[in-house]
C-alpha atoms as a PDB file:
ATOM      1  CA  MET A   1       0.000   0.000   0.000  1.00  0.00           C
ATOM      2  CA  SER A   2       1.309   3.491  -0.750  1.00  0.00           C
ATOM      3  CA  TYR A   3       0.235   6.897   0.496  1.00  0.00           C
ATOM      4  CA  ARG A   4       0.716  10.508  -0.491  1.00  0.00           C
ATOM      5  CA  VAL A   5       0.796  12.801   2.528  1.00  0.00           C
ATOM      6  CA  GLY A   6       0.240  16.538   2.556  1.00  0.00           C
ATOM      7  CA  VAL A   7       0.833  18.820   5.530  1.00  0.00           C
ATOM      8  CA  ASP A   8      -0.330  22.409   6.006  1.00  0.00           C
ATOM      9  CA  ILE A   9       0.985  24.278   9.046  1.00  0.00           C
ATOM     10  CA  GLY A  10      -1.457  26.815  10.424  1.00  0.00           C
ATOM     11  CA  GLY A  11      -1.416  29.106  13.415  1.00  0.00           C
ATOM     12  CA  THR A  12      -3.671  26.935  15.567  1.00  0.00           C
ATOM     13  CA  PHE A  13      -3.625  23.537  13.867  1.00  0.00           C
ATOM     14  CA  THR A  14      -1.443  21.637  11.446  1.00  0.00           C
ATOM     15  CA  ASP A  15      -3.508  19.620   8.997  1.00  0.00           C
ATOM     16  CA  PHE A  16      -2.461  16.262   7.578  1.00  0.00           C
ATOM     17  CA  CYS A  17      -4.048  14.465   4.654  1.00  0.00           C
ATOM     18  CA  ALA A  18      -3.025  10.920   3.681  1.00  0.00           C
ATOM     19  CA  PHE A  19      -4.240   9.628   0.312  1.00  0.00           C
ATOM     20  CA  ASN A  20      -4.071   5.896  -0.401  1.00  0.00           C
ATOM     21  CA  ASP A  21      -2.975   5.446  -4.029  1.00  0.00           C
ATOM     22  CA  GLU A  22      -4.502   1.983  -4.288  1.00  0.00           C
ATOM     23  CA  THR A  23      -7.910   2.426  -2.657  1.00  0.00           C
ATOM     24  CA  ASN A  24      -8.390   6.210  -3.073  1.00  0.00           C
ATOM     25  CA  ASP A  25      -9.167   6.444   0.658  1.00  0.00           C
ATOM     26  CA  ILE A  26      -8.379   9.739   2.356  1.00  0.00           C
ATOM     27  CA  HIS A  27      -7.482  10.122   6.022  1.00  0.00           C
ATOM     28  CA  THR A  28      -7.307  13.540   7.654  1.00  0.00           C
ATOM     29  CA  LEU A  29      -5.820  14.647  10.931  1.00  0.00           C
ATOM     30  CA  LYS A  30      -5.439  17.890  12.893  1.00  0.00           C
ATOM     31  CA  VAL A  31      -2.492  18.352  15.248  1.00  0.00           C
ATOM     32  CA  LEU A  32      -2.209  21.357  17.544  1.00  0.00           C
ATOM     33  CA  SER A  33       0.465  23.740  16.222  1.00  0.00           C
ATOM     34  CA  SER A  34       3.204  24.751  18.628  1.00  0.00           C
ATOM     35  CA  PRO A  35       4.605  28.227  17.849  1.00  0.00           C
ATOM     36  CA  ASP A  36       7.150  27.854  20.663  1.00  0.00           C
ATOM     37  CA  ALA A  37       8.529  24.671  19.015  1.00  0.00           C
ATOM     38  CA  PRO A  38       8.141  25.128  15.240  1.00  0.00           C
ATOM     39  CA  GLY A  39       8.152  21.836  13.381  1.00  0.00           C
ATOM     40  CA  ALA A  40       7.239  19.682  16.386  1.00  0.00           C
ATOM     41  CA  GLU A  41       3.773  19.105  14.926  1.00  0.00           C
ATOM     42  CA  VAL A  42       5.284  17.853  11.664  1.00  0.00           C
ATOM     43  CA  ILE A  43       7.246  15.292  13.672  1.00  0.00           C
ATOM     44  CA  ALA A  44       4.229  14.288  15.805  1.00  0.00           C
ATOM     45  CA  GLY A  45       1.723  13.989  12.941  1.00  0.00           C
ATOM     46  CA  PRO A  46       3.103  10.932  11.153  1.00  0.00           C
ATOM     47  CA  GLY A  47       3.092   8.961  14.405  1.00  0.00           C
ATOM     48  CA  GLU A  48      -0.534   9.917  14.908  1.00  0.00           C
ATOM     49  CA  LEU A  49      -1.355   8.862  11.328  1.00  0.00           C
ATOM     50  CA  GLU A  50       0.127   5.468  12.132  1.00  0.00           C
ATOM     51  CA  THR A  51      -1.750   5.171  15.439  1.00  0.00           C
ATOM     52  CA  ARG A  52      -5.128   6.201  14.032  1.00  0.00           C
ATOM     53  CA  TYR A  53      -5.026   4.860  10.482  1.00  0.00           C
ATOM     54  CA  GLY A  54      -2.109   2.412  10.229  1.00  0.00           C
ATOM     55  CA  VAL A  55      -0.154   4.623   7.800  1.00  0.00           C
ATOM     56  CA  THR A  56       3.526   3.804   8.334  1.00  0.00           C
ATOM     57  CA  ALA A  57       6.545   5.788   7.141  1.00  0.00           C
ATOM     58  CA  PRO A  58       7.666   3.148   4.594  1.00  0.00           C
ATOM     59  CA  GLN A  59       4.227   3.384   2.946  1.00  0.00           C
ATOM     60  CA  VAL A  60       4.618   7.128   2.286  1.00  0.00           C
ATOM     61  CA  VAL A  61       5.850   7.568  -1.285  1.00  0.00           C
ATOM     62  CA  TYR A  62       5.221  11.314  -1.507  1.00  0.00           C
ATOM     63  CA  PHE A  63       5.304  13.996   1.190  1.00  0.00           C
ATOM     64  CA  THR A  64       4.566  17.671   0.650  1.00  0.00           C
ATOM     65  CA  HIS A  65       4.464  20.598   3.048  1.00  0.00           C
ATOM     66  CA  GLY A  66       2.863  24.021   2.908  1.00  0.00           C
ATOM     67  CA  THR A  67       2.236  26.918   5.253  1.00  0.00           C
END
């Protein structure tokens, strides 16, 4: 299984979207942004995607980031 993951960092939340290339399923996730530790939410999000939806790092074939 392969996923494309997009991340958008916002002031309050960082949004994640994981798209399954094989099934066309989409999983979304909001992680609280941390202005005092920029980037921490980008590190925390993939672990939460794995916990909630079973999306593991080796399955991610494309990762994009926006602000």
